[in-house]
Each structure stands twice: as C-alpha cells, then as structure tokens.
C-alpha cells in the first residue's frame, strides 16, 4: 500500500517542483506550460480514473471475497458434494463468480489503459509545447541553442514521476473497499467484554446457575429462560433435551463465548462475568460434538490444549481416551498428519482425539457435549471408563441424548425451549 499509493504522490510533487524550477531558470512560461500538463496528467487523470473505477473496484473486492469463500466451501465439502452429485451446480456457481470477477477486472484494465494512453499523449504534447515555446527564445538569443534538446527531455523525464498516479488512485480505491470490510469487523462490538477490575480466579469449583436467561439477538426468542441448577465441587450433572433446547448455549456461556445479561453463573462463588474471559476458559475443558482438528500432526493437535505437557502426560491422556494404540498403528505415530480438519481420520478417531486433548488440558471443570456420539458401543464403554477416572474430583456437565453418558452422573435436568422442565436422579 505504501509503495503503490503513498510513495507515488510524494515522488511526483518533488519531481514536479524540480522540473519546473529547472525550466523556470530559462523562462517562466516554459515552467508554466510544463506545470499545466503535469497537473492534467498527475491530478485530472487520476481523479477521473478514481471516479470511473470506484464502482468496479468495490464490486471486485466483494466478488473476490465471495469467490474465495465459495472455493473454500467446495474444497471442505468435496466429499458430500460428490456423494450427492452436485459438483456441476457448484462448478457453475464458481464459474459464474469467476466470469463476473474477470469482467470487473477487464473494466478496470480498460480504465487503466485509457489513463496510460492519455498520460502518454500529454507527455508528447508537453514535449512539443516546450519545444515550440523554446525555439523563439533560442532565435532571440535568450537561451543558448545547446539547451534546446535539454528542455523537452526534462519535460519527458518529469512525466515518469506523475504517470503512476493514475494507477495509485485505482489501488487506493480497491484498498479503501477492502479496508471498509475490515473496519466493519474491527468496529463491531465484541460479544464478550472483560471487566475493568477483574476478580481473582476461584479456588473451588462448585457451579451455581441462577435464573439464567439469554438470547442471541433482541428479535429472537430466548435461548435460555430462567435456568437454575447447582453442581457441587466434584459433582456431575447431566443435561438432556431436544435439539435447540439451549444445551449448547449453556456450554457457550460457560466458556464466555457470549455474555449473559440476566441471571447468574457462579464458579466457586465468583461471577463468571467478573473474570477475564481467557482465565475462565482456562478453567473449563470442553469436548464438543464437532471439534476442529488442525492440518498438522496428532502430537501438535494434542499439545494445543497444553503446550507445556510432557510426552508421558500426553500418552496417558490418549490411553484414557482409548486412542494410544490406534496412534501407534499410524505410519508415523504421534507425528502423523491428520489432514484438514482431521480428514484422514474417521469420525470416532477424531472424537477420541478431541477427548484426549481435553483430558490433556486438565481443567477443573469439564463439559462433555455429546462427547461420544461418533463412537460404537464397545469403544464408547472403554472411553467412558477412562473418562470416569479423569472426572474424579472435577465438576462435570454431561450433555447427552445417550443413556451411556447419563449413567455416569448423579443428577439429570431436562431443558426444553430454554427452560428446566424436570429433573431426576440417575
């Protein structure tokens, strides 16, 4: 940006001043004539170019962003796209966006070409005008004839500094369009605001949720409405309910992905809103139904939760998650790449890796959100055996539709439409 937008105007001003000063030492009319053509080339042409390219440059930024998003979406969903025979539909969508972007870029290229052509024309006209004005001055003896070639060449050389201004204005237009999209994100209010005077992290981990209500937007129904429950330190609570009942919303509030406005969530007697969000997340480990895996090794994906852990601790976590033997069977063991979002692993293997990662984190509060959904019954039983060892002494929320998960908790509450509609002891 600085090289293509900021530097050209500075260079143009300096060169224009120098060239006009040189010609002015011979005659002021020569400097004035050069200045007129430099202004036409360095100001009028760029302003016209910017006015003409304003709309296509902004549209090109939007179309390019949509094209990139479409390509990423297709690559990530390639298997499903092929399975449902929709590759033609998505290919046509990509080609349509690509054609639209090409047309906009062609329009910008025409504007750029016209600007370059007019700049070359003004350069030639300036040289001829300077020469036309200088000849009588030489004839009258006001200028030595040896300078007759120097004057138009000086004019031509000065245009080398102002010709890039038209392209600089086009780049400025594209940069402003891209910057406006970035500033929209930067200026968006954060979903979570840390307190100006945060409380110290709790030393005990009993969980008290009292009259908790939350809605994602003012015009949407409440995701949670007056939810209350208590989990003693080291206790376990199961949460069941139909899809959309508010179970995952509760987990997101525990992780401070969103801030609640009504009610209370207290951990060890400390209101979560009074804690720094990063400190809250350090206290909570979560295994979600859909966990992202990075395109790196098994080892690196595990150490994401606890970079300072030893290999022995990592292996122990994998053994609890029934993952260690599988990892040893891989070509490079723990250094095997898992692919984009764990593409090289099965659903159950990805889920066990996510469980091992959460175990490795070792947080005192644990949220299991459909943690064993992708596991067969035998593997699930082995994983729950390891989880039971890990959960000892930890405060645990188990969100599950399966009886295998609820069998490991002492109390179960049912959520429906964001409200607690019942409870039972398992």
Protein backbone atom coordinates (compact mmCIF):
# COMPACT_ATOMS: atom_id res chain seq x y z
CA UNK A 1 0.00 0.00 0.00
CA UNK A 2 2.74 2.49 0.95
CA UNK A 3 4.82 1.73 -2.15
CA UNK A 4 1.90 1.77 -4.61
CA UNK A 5 -0.27 4.52 -3.06
CA UNK A 6 1.69 6.75 -0.66
CA UNK A 7 5.08 6.95 -2.39
CA UNK A 8 3.98 7.97 -5.96
CA UNK A 9 2.35 11.31 -4.90
CA UNK A 10 5.41 12.25 -2.83
CA UNK A 11 7.77 11.49 -5.70
CA UNK A 12 5.50 13.33 -8.17
CA UNK A 13 5.46 16.51 -6.05
CA UNK A 14 9.24 16.53 -5.64
CA UNK A 15 9.96 15.84 -9.32
CA UNK A 16 7.37 18.40 -10.49
CA UNK A 17 8.91 21.09 -8.30
CA UNK A 18 12.41 20.23 -9.51
CA UNK A 19 11.46 20.11 -13.22
CA UNK A 20 9.53 23.39 -13.06
CA UNK A 21 12.45 25.01 -11.22
CA UNK A 22 14.86 23.88 -13.95
CA UNK A 23 12.65 25.19 -16.78
CA UNK A 24 11.89 28.36 -14.81
CA UNK A 25 15.57 29.29 -14.83
CA UNK A 26 15.27 29.61 -18.60
CA UNK A 27 11.82 31.20 -18.82
CA UNK A 28 8.74 31.22 -16.59
CA UNK A 29 6.42 30.41 -19.49
CA UNK A 30 8.23 27.09 -20.00
CA UNK A 31 7.70 26.16 -16.36
CA UNK A 32 4.04 27.23 -16.54
CA UNK A 33 3.42 25.14 -19.67
CA UNK A 34 5.03 22.08 -18.09
CA UNK A 35 3.04 22.57 -14.89
CA UNK A 36 -0.25 22.62 -16.84
CA UNK A 37 0.47 19.27 -18.48
CA UNK A 38 1.77 17.76 -15.24
CA UNK A 39 -1.41 18.81 -13.44
CA UNK A 40 -3.52 17.28 -16.23
CA UNK A 41 -1.56 14.03 -16.02
CA UNK A 42 -0.96 13.89 -12.28
CA UNK A 43 -4.27 15.22 -10.91
CA UNK A 44 -7.04 15.34 -13.52
CA UNK A 45 -6.35 11.88 -14.95
CA UNK A 46 -6.05 10.13 -11.55
CA UNK A 47 -9.22 11.79 -10.24
CA UNK A 48 -11.09 10.76 -13.38
CA UNK A 49 -9.63 7.25 -13.11
CA UNK A 50 -10.70 7.02 -9.48
CA UNK A 51 -14.23 8.21 -10.29
CA UNK A 52 -14.56 5.67 -13.11
CA UNK A 53 -13.06 2.78 -11.09
CA UNK A 54 -14.92 3.45 -7.82
CA UNK A 55 -17.83 1.09 -8.51
CA UNK A 56 -15.99 -1.74 -10.32
CA UNK A 57 -13.13 -1.74 -7.78
CA UNK A 58 -15.54 -2.07 -4.86
CA UNK A 59 -17.55 -4.75 -6.66
CA UNK A 60 -14.36 -6.65 -7.48
CA UNK A 61 -13.41 -6.82 -3.78
CA UNK A 62 -16.83 -8.22 -2.87
CA UNK A 63 -16.90 -10.73 -5.73
CA UNK A 64 -13.35 -11.90 -4.99
CA UNK A 65 -14.27 -12.47 -1.34
CA UNK A 66 -17.37 -14.44 -2.36
CA UNK A 67 -15.35 -16.47 -4.87
CA UNK A 68 -12.71 -17.32 -2.26
CA UNK A 69 -15.38 -18.34 0.25
CA UNK A 70 -17.09 -20.50 -2.38
CA UNK A 71 -13.83 -22.25 -3.28
CA UNK A 72 -13.01 -22.95 0.38
CA UNK A 73 -16.55 -24.22 0.94
CA UNK A 74 -16.30 -26.57 -2.05
CA UNK A 75 -12.92 -27.93 -1.01
CA UNK A 76 -14.06 -28.58 2.55
CA UNK A 77 -17.31 -30.16 1.39
CA UNK A 78 -15.88 -32.05 -1.58
CA UNK A 79 -16.88 -35.50 -0.30
CA UNK A 80 -20.52 -34.54 0.31
CA UNK A 81 -20.69 -32.61 -2.94
CA UNK A 82 -19.55 -35.66 -4.92
CA UNK A 83 -21.75 -38.03 -2.92
CA UNK A 84 -24.88 -36.04 -3.79
CA UNK A 85 -23.84 -35.40 -7.39
CA UNK A 86 -23.84 -31.62 -7.03
CA UNK A 87 -20.39 -30.92 -8.44
CA UNK A 88 -21.88 -29.45 -11.64
CA UNK A 89 -24.03 -26.99 -9.68
CA UNK A 90 -21.10 -25.79 -7.60
CA UNK A 91 -18.80 -25.67 -10.62
CA UNK A 92 -21.29 -23.45 -12.42
CA UNK A 93 -21.52 -21.19 -9.37
CA UNK A 94 -17.74 -20.89 -9.27
CA UNK A 95 -17.52 -20.19 -13.00
CA UNK A 96 -20.24 -17.53 -12.72
CA UNK A 97 -18.35 -15.72 -9.97
CA UNK A 98 -15.08 -16.11 -11.86
CA UNK A 99 -16.62 -14.64 -15.02
CA UNK A 100 -18.08 -11.77 -13.01
CA UNK A 101 -14.68 -11.05 -11.47
CA UNK A 102 -12.99 -11.23 -14.88
CA UNK A 103 -15.46 -8.70 -16.32
CA UNK A 104 -14.82 -6.30 -13.46
CA UNK A 105 -11.06 -6.71 -13.80
CA UNK A 106 -11.33 -6.17 -17.57
CA UNK A 107 -13.26 -2.95 -16.94
CA UNK A 108 -10.59 -1.79 -14.54
CA UNK A 109 -7.91 -2.72 -17.09
CA UNK A 110 -9.67 -0.60 -19.76
CA UNK A 111 -9.77 2.37 -17.38
CA UNK A 112 -6.10 1.82 -16.56
CA UNK A 113 -5.21 1.52 -20.25
CA UNK A 114 -7.07 4.70 -21.17
CA UNK A 115 -5.29 6.52 -18.37
CA UNK A 116 -1.90 5.27 -19.54
CA UNK A 117 -2.69 6.23 -23.12
CA UNK A 118 -3.79 9.75 -22.21
CA UNK A 119 -0.72 10.12 -19.99
CA UNK A 120 1.50 9.22 -22.95
CA UNK A 121 -0.41 11.70 -25.12
CA UNK A 122 0.02 14.52 -22.60
CA UNK A 123 3.72 13.66 -22.33
CA UNK A 124 4.20 14.07 -26.07
CA UNK A 125 2.11 17.24 -26.17
CA UNK A 126 4.11 18.70 -23.29
CA UNK A 127 7.42 17.98 -25.05
CA UNK A 128 6.17 19.52 -28.31
CA UNK A 129 4.77 22.56 -26.49
CA UNK A 130 8.03 23.14 -24.62
CA UNK A 131 9.95 22.79 -27.88
CA UNK A 132 7.54 25.15 -29.67
CA UNK A 133 7.93 27.77 -26.95
CA UNK A 134 11.70 27.36 -26.68
CA UNK A 135 12.54 27.82 -30.38
CA UNK A 136 11.67 31.57 -30.43
CA UNK A 137 13.66 32.04 -27.22
CA UNK A 138 16.70 30.46 -28.89
CA UNK A 139 16.19 32.59 -32.01
CA UNK A 140 16.10 35.74 -29.87
CA UNK A 141 19.24 34.67 -28.09
CA UNK A 142 17.56 34.39 -24.69
CA UNK A 143 18.51 30.72 -24.46
CA UNK A 144 21.66 29.07 -25.70
CA UNK A 145 20.84 26.64 -28.53
CA UNK A 146 22.66 23.82 -26.77
CA UNK A 147 19.75 23.68 -24.26
CA UNK A 148 17.08 23.24 -26.93
CA UNK A 149 17.20 19.44 -26.63
CA UNK A 150 17.51 19.53 -22.84
CA UNK A 151 14.21 21.34 -22.26
CA UNK A 152 11.78 18.83 -23.89
CA UNK A 153 13.80 15.91 -22.50
CA UNK A 154 13.43 17.38 -19.00
CA UNK A 155 9.69 17.61 -19.56
CA UNK A 156 9.50 14.00 -20.76
CA UNK A 157 11.55 12.79 -17.77
CA UNK A 158 9.29 14.60 -15.29
CA UNK A 159 6.26 12.67 -16.56
CA UNK A 160 7.85 9.42 -15.41
CA UNK A 161 7.06 10.55 -11.87
CA UNK A 162 3.41 11.53 -12.39
CA UNK A 163 2.24 8.70 -14.66
CA UNK A 164 1.99 6.14 -11.78
CA UNK A 165 -0.54 8.40 -10.01
CA UNK A 166 -3.49 7.08 -12.06
CA UNK A 167 -2.72 3.51 -11.03
CA UNK A 168 -2.12 4.66 -7.44
CA UNK A 169 -5.64 6.08 -7.30
CA UNK A 170 -7.06 2.79 -8.61
CA UNK A 171 -5.13 0.86 -5.96
CA UNK A 172 -6.37 3.36 -3.37
CA UNK A 173 -9.96 2.67 -4.41
CA UNK A 174 -9.51 -1.09 -4.08
CA UNK A 175 -7.67 -0.68 -0.78
CA UNK A 176 -10.43 1.52 0.62
CA UNK A 177 -13.07 -1.03 -0.37
CA UNK A 178 -11.10 -3.81 1.33
CA UNK A 179 -10.36 -1.62 4.36
CA UNK A 180 -14.03 -0.79 4.81
CA UNK A 181 -14.79 -4.52 5.16
CA UNK A 182 -12.01 -4.89 7.73
CA UNK A 183 -13.13 -1.86 9.71
CA UNK A 184 -16.66 -3.26 9.82
CA UNK A 185 -15.23 -6.26 11.66
CA UNK A 186 -12.92 -4.18 13.84
CA UNK A 187 -15.66 -1.74 14.81
CA UNK A 188 -18.20 -4.47 15.56
CA UNK A 189 -18.92 -4.59 19.28
CA UNK A 190 -17.26 -7.61 20.95
CA UNK A 191 -19.52 -10.41 22.12
CA UNK A 192 -17.64 -10.51 25.43
CA UNK A 193 -16.15 -7.56 27.32
CA UNK A 194 -13.66 -8.20 30.13
CA UNK A 195 -14.31 -6.31 33.37
CA UNK A 196 -12.16 -3.25 34.12
CA UNK A 197 -11.36 -4.69 37.56
CA UNK A 198 -11.47 -8.49 37.17
CA UNK A 199 -11.86 -10.81 40.11
CA UNK A 200 -9.23 -13.37 41.03
CA UNK A 201 -9.85 -16.90 39.67
CA UNK A 202 -11.74 -19.15 42.10
CA UNK A 203 -10.05 -21.75 44.28
CA UNK A 204 -13.09 -24.04 44.48
CA UNK A 205 -15.26 -25.14 41.60
CA UNK A 206 -18.84 -25.57 42.71
CA UNK A 207 -21.16 -24.31 39.95
CA UNK A 208 -24.30 -22.32 40.65
CA UNK A 209 -26.57 -21.20 37.78
CA UNK A 210 -29.42 -18.98 38.93
CA UNK A 211 -32.29 -17.52 36.87
CA UNK A 212 -30.08 -17.51 33.77
CA UNK A 213 -31.67 -16.02 30.65
CA UNK A 214 -30.04 -15.35 27.29
CA UNK A 215 -31.00 -14.52 23.71
CA UNK A 216 -28.63 -14.16 20.78
CA UNK A 217 -30.48 -11.17 19.30
CA UNK A 218 -33.21 -8.86 20.52
CA UNK A 219 -35.64 -10.04 17.83
CA UNK A 220 -35.03 -13.76 18.53
CA UNK A 221 -36.71 -15.94 21.17
CA UNK A 222 -34.80 -16.62 24.37
CA UNK A 223 -32.31 -19.48 24.06
CA UNK A 224 -32.33 -19.79 27.86
CA UNK A 225 -35.14 -18.59 30.11
CA UNK A 226 -34.75 -18.61 33.90
CA UNK A 227 -32.48 -21.66 34.10
CA UNK A 228 -31.30 -22.60 37.61
CA UNK A 229 -29.28 -25.54 38.93
CA UNK A 230 -26.38 -26.30 41.25
CA UNK A 231 -23.44 -28.67 40.87
CA UNK A 232 -21.24 -29.13 43.95
CA UNK A 233 -17.48 -29.16 43.56
CA UNK A 234 -16.53 -32.55 42.14
CA UNK A 235 -20.18 -33.28 41.28
CA UNK A 236 -21.69 -34.34 37.98
CA UNK A 237 -24.85 -33.10 36.28
CA UNK A 238 -26.47 -34.49 33.15
CA UNK A 239 -28.39 -32.18 30.81
CA UNK A 240 -30.83 -33.60 28.27
CA UNK A 241 -33.32 -32.05 25.89
CA UNK A 242 -34.35 -31.89 22.27
CA UNK A 243 -32.33 -30.08 19.63
CA UNK A 244 -32.48 -26.32 20.14
CA UNK A 245 -33.44 -26.63 23.80
CA UNK A 246 -30.47 -24.49 24.90
CA UNK A 247 -27.96 -27.14 25.98
CA UNK A 248 -25.08 -25.97 23.80
CA UNK A 249 -25.94 -22.33 24.53
CA UNK A 250 -25.33 -23.05 28.20
CA UNK A 251 -21.92 -24.53 27.35
CA UNK A 252 -21.05 -21.46 25.24
CA UNK A 253 -21.93 -19.15 28.13
CA UNK A 254 -19.74 -21.21 30.45
CA UNK A 255 -16.85 -20.65 28.03
CA UNK A 256 -17.63 -16.91 27.77
CA UNK A 257 -18.15 -17.05 24.01
CA UNK A 258 -21.16 -14.86 24.80
CA UNK A 259 -22.05 -12.74 27.81
CA UNK A 260 -25.33 -13.24 29.59
CA UNK A 261 -27.31 -10.16 30.66
CA UNK A 262 -29.80 -11.70 33.08
CA UNK A 263 -29.22 -14.15 35.88
CA UNK A 264 -26.01 -15.51 37.28
CA UNK A 265 -23.33 -18.15 36.68
CA UNK A 266 -21.02 -18.51 39.68
CA UNK A 267 -17.98 -20.74 39.82
CA UNK A 268 -16.53 -21.10 43.28
CA UNK A 269 -18.69 -18.17 44.35
CA UNK A 270 -17.21 -15.90 41.63
CA UNK A 271 -19.47 -14.47 38.92
CA UNK A 272 -18.15 -15.55 35.50
CA UNK A 273 -18.69 -12.03 34.13
CA UNK A 274 -16.26 -10.75 36.79
CA UNK A 275 -13.45 -12.95 35.43
CA UNK A 276 -11.23 -12.33 32.42
CA UNK A 277 -12.56 -14.47 29.56
CA UNK A 278 -9.20 -16.20 28.97
CA UNK A 279 -8.96 -17.14 32.65
CA UNK A 280 -12.48 -18.57 32.55
CA UNK A 281 -11.66 -20.70 29.52
CA UNK A 282 -8.50 -21.94 31.22
CA UNK A 283 -10.70 -23.37 33.97
CA UNK A 284 -13.12 -25.16 31.64
CA UNK A 285 -12.39 -28.09 29.35
CA UNK A 286 -14.96 -28.95 26.71
CA UNK A 287 -15.48 -31.82 24.30
CA UNK A 288 -17.97 -30.70 21.67
CA UNK A 289 -19.86 -32.86 19.21
CA UNK A 290 -17.96 -31.20 16.37
CA UNK A 291 -14.36 -30.35 17.23
CA UNK A 292 -11.92 -28.74 14.83
CA UNK A 293 -8.64 -30.50 14.16
CA UNK A 294 -5.77 -28.63 12.52
CA UNK A 295 -3.89 -29.87 9.47
CA UNK A 296 -0.86 -30.89 11.46
CA UNK A 297 0.33 -33.90 13.44
CA UNK A 298 -1.56 -35.80 16.12
CA UNK A 299 1.02 -34.56 18.63
CA UNK A 300 0.54 -30.88 17.70
CA UNK A 301 -3.24 -31.19 17.86
CA UNK A 302 -2.96 -32.64 21.35
CA UNK A 303 -0.43 -30.08 22.61
CA UNK A 304 -2.78 -27.30 21.53
CA UNK A 305 -4.54 -27.83 24.87
CA UNK A 306 -1.37 -27.86 26.96
CA UNK A 307 1.84 -26.89 25.11
CA UNK A 308 3.98 -27.47 28.19
CA UNK A 309 2.86 -31.05 28.79
CA UNK A 310 5.34 -33.91 28.62
CA UNK A 311 5.10 -36.82 26.20
CA UNK A 312 4.31 -39.11 29.13
CA UNK A 313 1.34 -36.94 30.12
CA UNK A 314 0.17 -36.84 26.51
CA UNK A 315 0.34 -40.63 26.20
CA UNK A 316 -1.55 -41.05 29.49
CA UNK A 317 -4.32 -38.79 28.18
CA UNK A 318 -4.54 -40.81 24.98
CA UNK A 319 -4.72 -44.05 26.93
CA UNK A 320 -7.69 -42.72 28.92
CA UNK A 321 -9.37 -41.78 25.63
CA UNK A 322 -8.66 -45.23 24.12
CA UNK A 323 -6.53 -43.55 21.44
CA UNK A 324 -2.95 -44.57 22.18
CA UNK A 325 -2.97 -47.99 20.47
CA UNK A 326 -4.58 -46.51 17.37
CA UNK A 327 -1.97 -43.74 17.16
CA UNK A 328 0.85 -46.28 17.42
CA UNK A 329 -0.64 -48.09 14.40
CA UNK A 330 -0.30 -44.96 12.25
CA UNK A 331 2.69 -44.75 9.85
CA UNK A 332 4.47 -42.04 11.86
CA UNK A 333 2.74 -42.50 15.20
CA UNK A 334 2.12 -39.25 17.01
CA UNK A 335 3.85 -37.33 14.19
CA UNK A 336 1.29 -38.47 11.59
CA UNK A 337 -0.55 -35.61 9.87
CA UNK A 338 -4.31 -35.78 10.39
CA UNK A 339 -5.30 -33.73 7.31
CA UNK A 340 -7.61 -30.75 7.01
CA UNK A 341 -9.98 -30.90 9.99
CA UNK A 342 -8.91 -34.49 10.62
CA UNK A 343 -9.83 -35.63 7.10
CA UNK A 344 -7.56 -38.69 7.35
CA UNK A 345 -9.31 -39.90 10.50
CA UNK A 346 -12.71 -41.46 10.98
CA UNK A 347 -15.41 -39.68 12.97
CA UNK A 348 -14.75 -41.82 16.03
CA UNK A 349 -10.99 -41.31 15.81
CA UNK A 350 -11.43 -37.54 15.55
CA UNK A 351 -13.73 -37.59 18.57
CA UNK A 352 -11.32 -39.63 20.67
CA UNK A 353 -8.50 -37.24 19.74
CA UNK A 354 -10.70 -34.35 20.90
CA UNK A 355 -11.40 -36.17 24.18
CA UNK A 356 -7.68 -36.85 24.70
CA UNK A 357 -6.92 -33.18 24.03
CA UNK A 358 -9.42 -32.09 26.67
CA UNK A 359 -8.02 -34.60 29.17
CA UNK A 360 -4.53 -33.26 28.48
CA UNK A 361 -5.74 -29.74 29.31
CA UNK A 362 -6.61 -30.96 32.79
CA UNK A 363 -9.15 -28.22 33.56
CA UNK A 364 -11.04 -28.47 36.88
CA UNK A 365 -14.41 -28.02 35.16
CA UNK A 366 -15.42 -30.36 32.34
CA UNK A 367 -18.22 -30.04 29.77
CA UNK A 368 -18.99 -33.10 27.64
CA UNK A 369 -21.34 -32.02 24.85
CA UNK A 370 -22.37 -35.23 23.04
CA UNK A 371 -18.75 -36.28 23.51
CA UNK A 372 -19.18 -39.93 22.45
CA UNK A 373 -21.73 -39.52 19.65
CA UNK A 374 -19.48 -40.92 16.91
CA UNK A 375 -18.28 -43.97 18.86
CA UNK A 376 -19.52 -47.53 18.62
CA UNK A 377 -20.84 -49.08 21.83
CA UNK A 378 -17.69 -51.06 22.69
CA UNK A 379 -15.35 -48.12 22.11
CA UNK A 380 -17.76 -45.84 23.97
CA UNK A 381 -17.65 -48.10 27.01
CA UNK A 382 -13.84 -48.06 27.04
CA UNK A 383 -13.76 -44.27 26.62
CA UNK A 384 -16.24 -43.76 29.47
CA UNK A 385 -14.09 -45.96 31.67
CA UNK A 386 -11.16 -43.62 31.07
CA UNK A 387 -13.32 -40.52 31.40
CA UNK A 388 -14.59 -41.72 34.77
CA UNK A 389 -11.02 -41.82 36.03
CA UNK A 390 -10.36 -38.34 34.70
CA UNK A 391 -13.63 -36.87 36.02
CA UNK A 392 -12.91 -37.88 39.61
CA UNK A 393 -12.82 -34.69 41.69
CA UNK A 394 -13.83 -32.47 38.78
CA UNK A 395 -17.06 -30.55 38.31
CA UNK A 396 -18.72 -32.08 35.25
CA UNK A 397 -21.63 -31.23 32.95
CA UNK A 398 -22.64 -34.08 30.63
CA UNK A 399 -24.84 -33.04 27.71
CA UNK A 400 -26.11 -36.21 26.08
CA UNK A 401 -29.00 -38.00 24.45
CA UNK A 402 -27.46 -41.39 25.14
CA UNK A 403 -28.02 -43.42 28.29
CA UNK A 404 -24.35 -44.46 28.29
CA UNK A 405 -23.34 -40.91 29.15
CA UNK A 406 -26.09 -40.21 31.65
CA UNK A 407 -25.25 -43.37 33.59
CA UNK A 408 -22.15 -41.62 34.93
CA UNK A 409 -23.90 -38.64 36.54
CA UNK A 410 -25.82 -38.31 39.77
CA UNK A 411 -28.43 -35.77 38.71
CA UNK A 412 -30.14 -35.05 35.38
CA UNK A 413 -32.12 -31.98 34.33
CA UNK A 414 -34.20 -31.64 31.18
CA UNK A 415 -34.18 -28.46 29.10
CA UNK A 416 -36.97 -27.63 26.66
CA UNK A 417 -37.28 -24.30 24.87
CA UNK A 418 -34.64 -22.83 27.14
CA UNK A 419 -36.34 -23.79 30.41
CA UNK A 420 -35.74 -26.51 33.00
CA UNK A 421 -38.84 -28.69 32.78
CA UNK A 422 -37.80 -31.55 35.03
CA UNK A 423 -35.04 -33.27 36.97
CA UNK A 424 -34.25 -36.76 38.18
CA UNK A 425 -31.57 -38.79 39.91
CA UNK A 426 -29.75 -41.44 37.91
